[in-house]
């Protein structure tokens, strides 16, 4: 049997899906906010593939980039 390699791009998608799954347990306004964060995480998943080995790091940086753009 071979090893299964999870690319950072796939890892970001799985992380965002877990965040959305958590959202089902939250109140509506928190669910909307978490869904938005999950979308932000996926927005730059392909770019994170080139820069990061860790999918969580790629998801967090992607989210922070979008949040910083909104603030600034």
C-alpha atoms as a PDB file:
ATOM      1  CA  UNK A   1       0.000   0.000   0.000  1.00  0.00           C
ATOM      2  CA  UNK A   2       1.218   3.455  -0.839  1.00  0.00           C
ATOM      3  CA  UNK A   3       1.115   6.533   1.262  1.00  0.00           C
ATOM      4  CA  UNK A   4      -1.649   9.021   0.848  1.00  0.00           C
ATOM      5  CA  UNK A   5      -0.392  12.560   0.375  1.00  0.00           C
ATOM      6  CA  UNK A   6      -2.827  15.320   1.190  1.00  0.00           C
ATOM      7  CA  UNK A   7      -1.868  18.443  -0.715  1.00  0.00           C
ATOM      8  CA  UNK A   8      -2.174  21.771   1.092  1.00  0.00           C
ATOM      9  CA  UNK A   9      -4.928  22.721  -1.375  1.00  0.00           C
ATOM     10  CA  UNK A  10      -6.995  19.691  -0.370  1.00  0.00           C
ATOM     11  CA  UNK A  11      -6.119  20.260   3.270  1.00  0.00           C
ATOM     12  CA  UNK A  12      -7.420  23.838   3.104  1.00  0.00           C
ATOM     13  CA  UNK A  13     -10.673  22.560   1.622  1.00  0.00           C
ATOM     14  CA  UNK A  14     -11.038  19.942   4.364  1.00  0.00           C
ATOM     15  CA  UNK A  15     -10.238  22.544   7.038  1.00  0.00           C
ATOM     16  CA  UNK A  16     -12.861  24.928   5.652  1.00  0.00           C
ATOM     17  CA  UNK A  17     -15.399  22.097   5.554  1.00  0.00           C
ATOM     18  CA  UNK A  18     -14.678  21.300   9.225  1.00  0.00           C
ATOM     19  CA  UNK A  19     -15.153  24.984  10.087  1.00  0.00           C
ATOM     20  CA  UNK A  20     -18.498  24.965   8.283  1.00  0.00           C
ATOM     21  CA  UNK A  21     -19.507  21.764  10.083  1.00  0.00           C
ATOM     22  CA  UNK A  22     -18.794  23.508  13.396  1.00  0.00           C
ATOM     23  CA  UNK A  23     -21.035  26.329  12.223  1.00  0.00           C
ATOM     24  CA  UNK A  24     -24.059  24.047  12.352  1.00  0.00           C
ATOM     25  CA  UNK A  25     -23.770  24.051  16.157  1.00  0.00           C
ATOM     26  CA  UNK A  26     -23.639  27.843  16.450  1.00  0.00           C
ATOM     27  CA  UNK A  27     -26.244  30.583  16.490  1.00  0.00           C
ATOM     28  CA  UNK A  28     -27.249  32.001  13.115  1.00  0.00           C
ATOM     29  CA  UNK A  29     -25.081  35.144  13.168  1.00  0.00           C
ATOM     30  CA  UNK A  30     -22.037  33.154  14.330  1.00  0.00           C
ATOM     31  CA  UNK A  31     -22.743  30.519  11.683  1.00  0.00           C
ATOM     32  CA  UNK A  32     -22.782  33.209   8.998  1.00  0.00           C
ATOM     33  CA  UNK A  33     -19.482  34.637  10.263  1.00  0.00           C
ATOM     34  CA  UNK A  34     -17.826  31.208  10.380  1.00  0.00           C
ATOM     35  CA  UNK A  35     -19.088  30.366   6.903  1.00  0.00           C
ATOM     36  CA  UNK A  36     -17.578  33.607   5.672  1.00  0.00           C
ATOM     37  CA  UNK A  37     -14.238  32.739   7.281  1.00  0.00           C
ATOM     38  CA  UNK A  38     -14.337  29.304   5.657  1.00  0.00           C
ATOM     39  CA  UNK A  39     -14.882  30.975   2.295  1.00  0.00           C
ATOM     40  CA  UNK A  40     -11.949  33.277   2.937  1.00  0.00           C
ATOM     41  CA  UNK A  41      -9.772  30.284   3.779  1.00  0.00           C
ATOM     42  CA  UNK A  42     -10.625  28.654   0.455  1.00  0.00           C
ATOM     43  CA  UNK A  43     -10.190  31.847  -1.555  1.00  0.00           C
ATOM     44  CA  UNK A  44      -6.408  31.483  -1.747  1.00  0.00           C
ATOM     45  CA  UNK A  45      -6.068  27.719  -1.336  1.00  0.00           C
ATOM     46  CA  UNK A  46      -4.338  27.344  -4.683  1.00  0.00           C
ATOM     47  CA  UNK A  47      -1.793  30.034  -3.864  1.00  0.00           C
ATOM     48  CA  UNK A  48      -1.160  28.416  -0.492  1.00  0.00           C
ATOM     49  CA  UNK A  49      -0.241  25.254  -2.366  1.00  0.00           C
ATOM     50  CA  UNK A  50       2.937  26.974  -3.590  1.00  0.00           C
ATOM     51  CA  UNK A  51       3.962  28.592  -0.307  1.00  0.00           C
ATOM     52  CA  UNK A  52       2.994  26.260   2.541  1.00  0.00           C
ATOM     53  CA  UNK A  53       3.390  22.620   3.466  1.00  0.00           C
ATOM     54  CA  UNK A  54       0.865  22.962   6.276  1.00  0.00           C
ATOM     55  CA  UNK A  55      -2.751  23.269   5.168  1.00  0.00           C
ATOM     56  CA  UNK A  56      -3.852  24.958   8.408  1.00  0.00           C
ATOM     57  CA  UNK A  57      -1.200  27.635   7.918  1.00  0.00           C
ATOM     58  CA  UNK A  58      -2.398  28.159   4.353  1.00  0.00           C
ATOM     59  CA  UNK A  59      -6.024  28.455   5.533  1.00  0.00           C
ATOM     60  CA  UNK A  60      -5.158  30.921   8.288  1.00  0.00           C
ATOM     61  CA  UNK A  61      -2.962  33.120   6.090  1.00  0.00           C
ATOM     62  CA  UNK A  62      -5.637  33.174   3.405  1.00  0.00           C
ATOM     63  CA  UNK A  63      -8.243  34.214   5.970  1.00  0.00           C
ATOM     64  CA  UNK A  64      -5.971  36.883   7.449  1.00  0.00           C
ATOM     65  CA  UNK A  65      -5.217  38.336   4.001  1.00  0.00           C
ATOM     66  CA  UNK A  66      -8.918  38.802   3.297  1.00  0.00           C
ATOM     67  CA  UNK A  67      -9.571  40.256   6.751  1.00  0.00           C
ATOM     68  CA  UNK A  68      -6.643  42.680   6.411  1.00  0.00           C
ATOM     69  CA  UNK A  69      -7.915  43.769   3.002  1.00  0.00           C
ATOM     70  CA  UNK A  70     -11.332  44.533   4.518  1.00  0.00           C
ATOM     71  CA  UNK A  71      -9.834  46.541   7.380  1.00  0.00           C
ATOM     72  CA  UNK A  72      -7.326  48.472   5.277  1.00  0.00           C
END
